[in-house]
N, C-alpha and C. Protein backbone atom coordinates (compact mmCIF):
# COMPACT_ATOMS: atom_id res chain seq x y z
N UNK A 1 5.55 7.98 -16.98
CA UNK A 1 6.98 8.37 -16.41
C UNK A 1 7.47 7.60 -15.13
N UNK A 2 6.59 8.12 -14.42
CA UNK A 2 6.67 7.79 -12.54
C UNK A 2 7.72 6.21 -12.76
N UNK A 3 6.98 5.61 -13.61
CA UNK A 3 7.34 4.17 -13.15
C UNK A 3 8.68 4.22 -13.86
N UNK A 4 9.04 4.39 -14.95
CA UNK A 4 10.42 4.35 -15.82
C UNK A 4 11.54 5.41 -14.94
N UNK A 5 11.06 6.32 -14.23
CA UNK A 5 12.11 6.49 -13.49
C UNK A 5 12.12 5.79 -12.02
N UNK A 6 11.31 5.27 -11.74
CA UNK A 6 11.35 4.78 -10.49
C UNK A 6 12.12 3.04 -10.80
N UNK A 7 12.04 2.84 -12.13
CA UNK A 7 12.71 1.35 -12.54
C UNK A 7 14.40 1.67 -12.78
N UNK A 8 14.38 3.05 -13.28
CA UNK A 8 15.66 3.63 -12.95
C UNK A 8 16.83 3.37 -12.13
N UNK A 9 15.98 3.55 -10.70
CA UNK A 9 16.89 3.58 -9.34
C UNK A 9 16.33 2.10 -8.82
N UNK A 10 15.79 0.95 -9.48
CA UNK A 10 15.70 -0.22 -8.91
C UNK A 10 16.82 -1.08 -8.71
N UNK A 11 17.88 -0.86 -9.54
CA UNK A 11 19.54 -1.99 -8.87
C UNK A 11 19.47 -1.28 -7.94
N UNK A 12 19.88 -0.09 -7.40
CA UNK A 12 20.52 0.27 -6.19
C UNK A 12 19.32 0.00 -4.72
N UNK A 13 17.93 0.09 -5.52
CA UNK A 13 16.70 -0.09 -4.67
C UNK A 13 17.29 -1.91 -4.03
N UNK A 14 16.89 -2.43 -5.25
CA UNK A 14 17.43 -4.18 -5.30
C UNK A 14 18.44 -4.47 -4.27
N UNK A 15 19.37 -3.96 -4.27
CA UNK A 15 20.74 -4.15 -3.91
C UNK A 15 20.48 -4.04 -2.02
N UNK A 16 19.70 -2.67 -1.97
CA UNK A 16 19.46 -2.63 -0.29
C UNK A 16 18.21 -3.67 0.22
N UNK A 17 17.22 -3.69 -0.86
CA UNK A 17 15.71 -4.78 -0.42
C UNK A 17 16.13 -6.18 -0.27
N UNK A 18 17.07 -6.61 -1.11
CA UNK A 18 17.43 -7.99 -1.22
C UNK A 18 18.06 -8.45 0.25
N UNK A 19 18.91 -7.66 0.76
CA UNK A 19 19.21 -8.16 2.20
C UNK A 19 17.88 -8.40 3.25
N UNK A 20 17.11 -7.48 3.25
CA UNK A 20 15.64 -7.74 4.32
C UNK A 20 14.34 -8.67 3.55
N UNK A 21 14.50 -9.08 2.47
CA UNK A 21 13.77 -9.61 2.00
C UNK A 21 13.75 -10.74 1.10
N UNK A 22 12.58 -11.36 1.30
CA UNK A 22 12.93 -13.05 0.55
C UNK A 22 12.20 -12.93 -1.14
N UNK A 23 11.77 -11.77 -1.36
CA UNK A 23 10.95 -12.04 -2.79
C UNK A 23 12.10 -11.83 -3.80
N UNK A 24 12.17 -12.73 -4.53
CA UNK A 24 12.88 -12.80 -5.68
C UNK A 24 12.54 -12.18 -6.35
N UNK A 25 11.12 -12.15 -7.22
CA UNK A 25 10.71 -10.83 -8.02
C UNK A 25 9.45 -10.61 -8.08
N UNK A 26 9.26 -9.18 -8.33
CA UNK A 26 7.94 -9.06 -8.19
C UNK A 26 7.57 -8.17 -9.51
N UNK A 27 6.48 -7.45 -9.59
CA UNK A 27 5.88 -6.85 -10.87
C UNK A 27 4.96 -5.66 -10.27
N UNK A 28 4.90 -4.95 -10.93
CA UNK A 28 4.49 -3.22 -10.42
C UNK A 28 3.37 -3.41 -11.69
N UNK A 29 2.19 -2.72 -11.70
CA UNK A 29 1.23 -2.45 -12.48
C UNK A 29 0.62 -1.06 -12.06
N UNK A 30 0.31 -0.44 -12.82
CA UNK A 30 -0.24 0.95 -13.18
C UNK A 30 -1.66 0.94 -13.85
N UNK A 31 -2.78 1.37 -13.04
CA UNK A 31 -3.99 1.71 -13.96
C UNK A 31 -4.47 2.74 -13.62
N UNK A 32 -5.11 3.37 -14.64
CA UNK A 32 -6.00 4.78 -14.76
C UNK A 32 -7.46 4.68 -14.28
N UNK A 33 -7.80 5.21 -13.34
CA UNK A 33 -9.38 5.06 -13.35
C UNK A 33 -10.11 6.47 -13.00
N UNK A 34 -11.60 6.31 -12.89
CA UNK A 34 -12.41 7.31 -12.03
C UNK A 34 -12.67 7.09 -10.71
N UNK A 35 -12.66 8.10 -9.65
CA UNK A 35 -13.11 8.03 -8.70
C UNK A 35 -13.81 9.00 -8.77
N UNK A 36 -15.13 8.72 -8.65
CA UNK A 36 -16.23 9.75 -8.51
C UNK A 36 -16.15 11.02 -9.13
N UNK A 37 -15.75 10.39 -10.42
CA UNK A 37 -15.40 11.41 -11.81
C UNK A 37 -14.15 11.97 -11.58
N UNK A 38 -13.06 11.95 -10.84
CA UNK A 38 -12.03 12.27 -10.57
C UNK A 38 -10.84 10.99 -11.26
N UNK A 39 -9.94 11.55 -11.75
CA UNK A 39 -8.79 10.71 -12.23
C UNK A 39 -7.84 10.28 -11.06
N UNK A 40 -8.08 9.06 -11.07
CA UNK A 40 -6.97 8.41 -10.04
C UNK A 40 -5.78 7.10 -10.82
N UNK A 41 -4.90 7.06 -10.11
CA UNK A 41 -3.93 5.80 -10.15
C UNK A 41 -3.99 4.93 -9.31
N UNK A 42 -3.87 3.93 -9.82
CA UNK A 42 -4.22 2.51 -9.27
C UNK A 42 -2.50 1.96 -9.30
N UNK A 43 -1.71 1.23 -8.10
CA UNK A 43 -0.36 0.94 -8.15
C UNK A 43 -0.71 -0.15 -7.53
N UNK A 44 -0.21 -1.46 -7.70
CA UNK A 44 -0.15 -2.81 -7.47
C UNK A 44 1.00 -3.75 -7.45
N UNK A 45 2.06 -3.84 -6.35
CA UNK A 45 3.01 -4.58 -6.91
C UNK A 45 2.78 -6.32 -5.92
N UNK A 46 3.09 -7.02 -7.05
CA UNK A 46 2.56 -8.41 -6.86
C UNK A 46 3.96 -9.11 -7.11
N UNK A 47 3.57 -10.60 -6.44
CA UNK A 47 4.62 -11.52 -6.60
C UNK A 47 4.07 -12.36 -7.97
N UNK A 48 4.50 -12.79 -9.00
CA UNK A 48 4.31 -13.66 -10.16
C UNK A 48 4.02 -15.26 -9.70
N UNK A 49 5.21 -15.76 -8.93
CA UNK A 49 4.82 -16.60 -9.18
C UNK A 49 4.17 -17.42 -8.05
N UNK A 50 3.97 -16.76 -6.70
CA UNK A 50 2.82 -17.11 -5.84
C UNK A 50 1.39 -16.32 -5.83
N UNK A 51 1.41 -15.75 -6.68
CA UNK A 51 0.10 -14.75 -6.90
C UNK A 51 -0.12 -14.20 -6.15
N UNK A 52 0.77 -13.42 -5.16
CA UNK A 52 0.24 -12.87 -3.63
C UNK A 52 0.38 -11.21 -4.07
N UNK A 53 -0.48 -10.47 -3.42
CA UNK A 53 -0.26 -9.06 -3.53
C UNK A 53 0.87 -8.66 -2.31
N UNK A 54 1.99 -7.80 -2.85
CA UNK A 54 2.66 -7.14 -2.09
C UNK A 54 2.44 -5.89 -1.26
N UNK A 55 1.87 -5.02 -2.16
CA UNK A 55 1.04 -3.47 -1.97
C UNK A 55 0.33 -3.04 -2.90
N UNK A 56 -0.55 -2.11 -2.33
CA UNK A 56 -1.96 -1.52 -3.41
C UNK A 56 -1.45 -0.25 -2.70
N UNK A 57 -1.73 0.73 -4.06
CA UNK A 57 -1.66 1.91 -3.52
C UNK A 57 -2.60 2.75 -4.27
N UNK A 58 -3.36 4.12 -4.11
CA UNK A 58 -4.52 4.63 -4.54
C UNK A 58 -4.04 6.28 -4.92
N UNK A 59 -3.70 6.72 -5.88
CA UNK A 59 -3.08 8.04 -5.55
C UNK A 59 -3.83 9.06 -6.44
């Protein structure tokens, strides 16, 4: 649900982001994992064409 709500804001975000960045496309992936027995989420933003990671977040 969090990613869905973020994607709904994407057009507005993309307009402001486009002026400052040369990234034409990026993908977001989220995965649930266990860290020391506790649930956590891993978020990764990456550029599929160059296969480079833009950002990584563990929550």
